[in-house]
Amino acid sequence: MGWGKQLTYCIAFSSKEVVDVTRRYVHDPFLNRMRRKQVNEQWLESYLVDMRDQLLQNDPDSEKIRDRLRMEKEELLRERDGGVVSGEKLLPRQSGSLEWRQKRGEMGESQE
């Protein structure tokens, strides 16, 4: 669906945070968990928390950011519909030339 890629890990980062946002972008969380074998899940979570703690160490907004992250994590864990993105929003990649998208396999399922 979407770009036609099987996403395994999607890590978002900024100057203040590092977060595994994979669940926001996968259609089937169960199949995604089966593919996630490159690193131990507990190690990844611990590593991301350590990195985030380093980034937020002297930040005056650290508690506000941590509260938001906790709320987002709880929201993702409550979802049981197999993903956040609904079917009508799953469009193939729109940017880049046609040739480039075809070479990358990002034309979606129905347009390859």
Protein backbone atom coordinates (compact mmCIF):
# COMPACT_ATOMS: atom_id res chain seq x y z
CA MET A 1 0.00 0.00 0.00
CA GLY A 2 1.10 3.59 -0.23
CA TRP A 3 4.55 3.71 -1.78
CA GLY A 4 4.68 -0.07 -2.07
CA LYS A 5 7.53 -0.44 0.46
CA GLN A 6 7.62 -2.85 3.38
CA LEU A 7 8.69 -0.54 6.17
CA THR A 8 10.62 -2.14 9.02
CA TYR A 9 11.96 0.75 11.09
CA CYS A 10 11.06 4.42 10.97
CA ILE A 11 12.98 6.56 13.46
CA ALA A 12 12.14 10.26 13.71
CA PHE A 13 14.56 12.73 15.22
CA SER A 14 14.95 16.41 15.89
CA SER A 15 17.28 18.52 17.99
CA LYS A 16 15.22 17.56 21.05
CA GLU A 17 14.01 14.02 20.52
CA VAL A 18 14.48 10.61 18.94
CA VAL A 19 11.39 8.41 18.56
CA ASP A 20 10.49 5.12 16.89
CA VAL A 21 7.42 6.19 14.89
CA THR A 22 7.09 3.01 12.85
CA ARG A 23 3.55 2.22 14.07
CA ARG A 24 2.30 5.48 12.58
CA TYR A 25 3.34 4.38 9.10
CA VAL A 26 2.73 0.64 8.85
CA HIS A 27 -0.53 -0.87 7.67
CA ASP A 28 -0.14 -4.19 9.54
CA PRO A 29 1.73 -3.92 12.87
CA PHE A 30 1.80 -7.73 13.27
CA LEU A 31 3.65 -8.26 9.97
CA ASN A 32 5.95 -5.37 10.81
CA ARG A 33 6.90 -6.97 14.14
CA MET A 34 7.77 -10.18 12.29
CA ARG A 35 10.22 -8.24 10.05
CA ARG A 36 11.88 -6.37 12.92
CA LYS A 37 14.77 -8.74 13.59
CA GLN A 38 17.83 -6.52 13.03
CA VAL A 39 18.01 -5.41 16.69
CA ASN A 40 16.43 -6.48 19.96
CA GLU A 41 13.28 -4.41 20.63
CA GLN A 42 14.14 -3.77 24.29
CA TRP A 43 17.64 -2.65 23.30
CA LEU A 44 16.24 -0.28 20.66
CA GLU A 45 13.75 1.26 23.10
CA SER A 46 16.45 1.67 25.75
CA TYR A 47 18.88 3.19 23.25
CA LEU A 48 16.30 5.70 22.02
CA VAL A 49 15.41 6.66 25.61
CA ASP A 50 19.10 7.19 26.41
CA MET A 51 19.57 9.35 23.32
CA ARG A 52 16.43 11.34 24.11
CA ASP A 53 17.59 11.86 27.71
CA GLN A 54 20.91 13.22 26.46
CA LEU A 55 19.16 15.62 24.09
CA LEU A 56 16.77 16.83 26.79
CA GLN A 57 19.33 17.00 29.58
CA ASN A 58 19.43 20.80 29.85
CA ASP A 59 16.26 21.66 27.96
CA PRO A 60 13.75 23.82 29.86
CA ASP A 61 10.87 22.12 27.97
CA SER A 62 12.02 18.57 28.78
CA GLU A 63 9.05 17.66 31.00
CA LYS A 64 6.54 18.98 28.47
CA ILE A 65 8.24 16.97 25.70
CA ARG A 66 8.37 13.81 27.83
CA ASP A 67 4.67 14.18 28.72
CA ARG A 68 3.76 14.52 25.03
CA LEU A 69 5.84 11.45 24.15
CA ARG A 70 4.11 9.41 26.88
CA MET A 71 0.69 10.45 25.59
CA GLU A 72 1.61 9.59 22.00
CA LYS A 73 2.98 6.20 23.04
CA GLU A 74 -0.22 5.39 24.96
CA GLU A 75 -2.30 6.47 21.97
CA LEU A 76 -0.38 4.18 19.62
CA LEU A 77 -0.64 1.24 22.00
CA ARG A 78 -4.45 1.68 22.26
CA GLU A 79 -4.98 1.54 18.51
CA ARG A 80 -6.19 -1.83 17.31
CA ASP A 81 -7.18 -1.09 13.69
CA GLY A 82 -3.90 -2.25 12.16
CA GLY A 83 -2.49 1.19 11.57
CA VAL A 84 -3.13 4.89 11.79
CA VAL A 85 -3.41 5.74 8.11
CA SER A 86 -6.75 4.98 6.50
CA GLY A 87 -6.97 3.37 3.07
CA GLU A 88 -7.92 6.51 1.18
CA LYS A 89 -4.78 8.28 2.40
CA LEU A 90 -2.39 5.61 1.10
CA LEU A 91 -1.17 7.23 -2.09
CA PRO A 92 1.91 6.21 -4.05
CA ARG A 93 4.89 8.51 -3.82
CA GLN A 94 4.14 11.85 -5.51
CA SER A 95 7.57 13.50 -5.60
CA GLY A 96 10.42 12.65 -7.96
CA SER A 97 10.39 11.74 -11.63
CA LEU A 98 8.37 8.76 -12.85
CA GLU A 99 11.55 6.91 -13.83
CA TRP A 100 13.14 7.50 -10.41
CA ARG A 101 10.01 6.33 -8.54
CA GLN A 102 9.78 3.19 -10.70
CA LYS A 103 13.45 2.33 -10.07
CA ARG A 104 12.90 2.67 -6.33
CA GLY A 105 9.69 0.58 -6.41
CA GLU A 106 7.66 3.44 -4.95
CA MET A 107 4.72 3.45 -7.35
CA GLY A 108 2.34 1.67 -4.97
CA GLU A 109 0.64 -1.67 -5.56
CA SER A 110 -1.77 -0.73 -8.33
CA GLN A 111 0.51 1.50 -10.43
CA GLU A 112 3.65 -0.60 -10.95
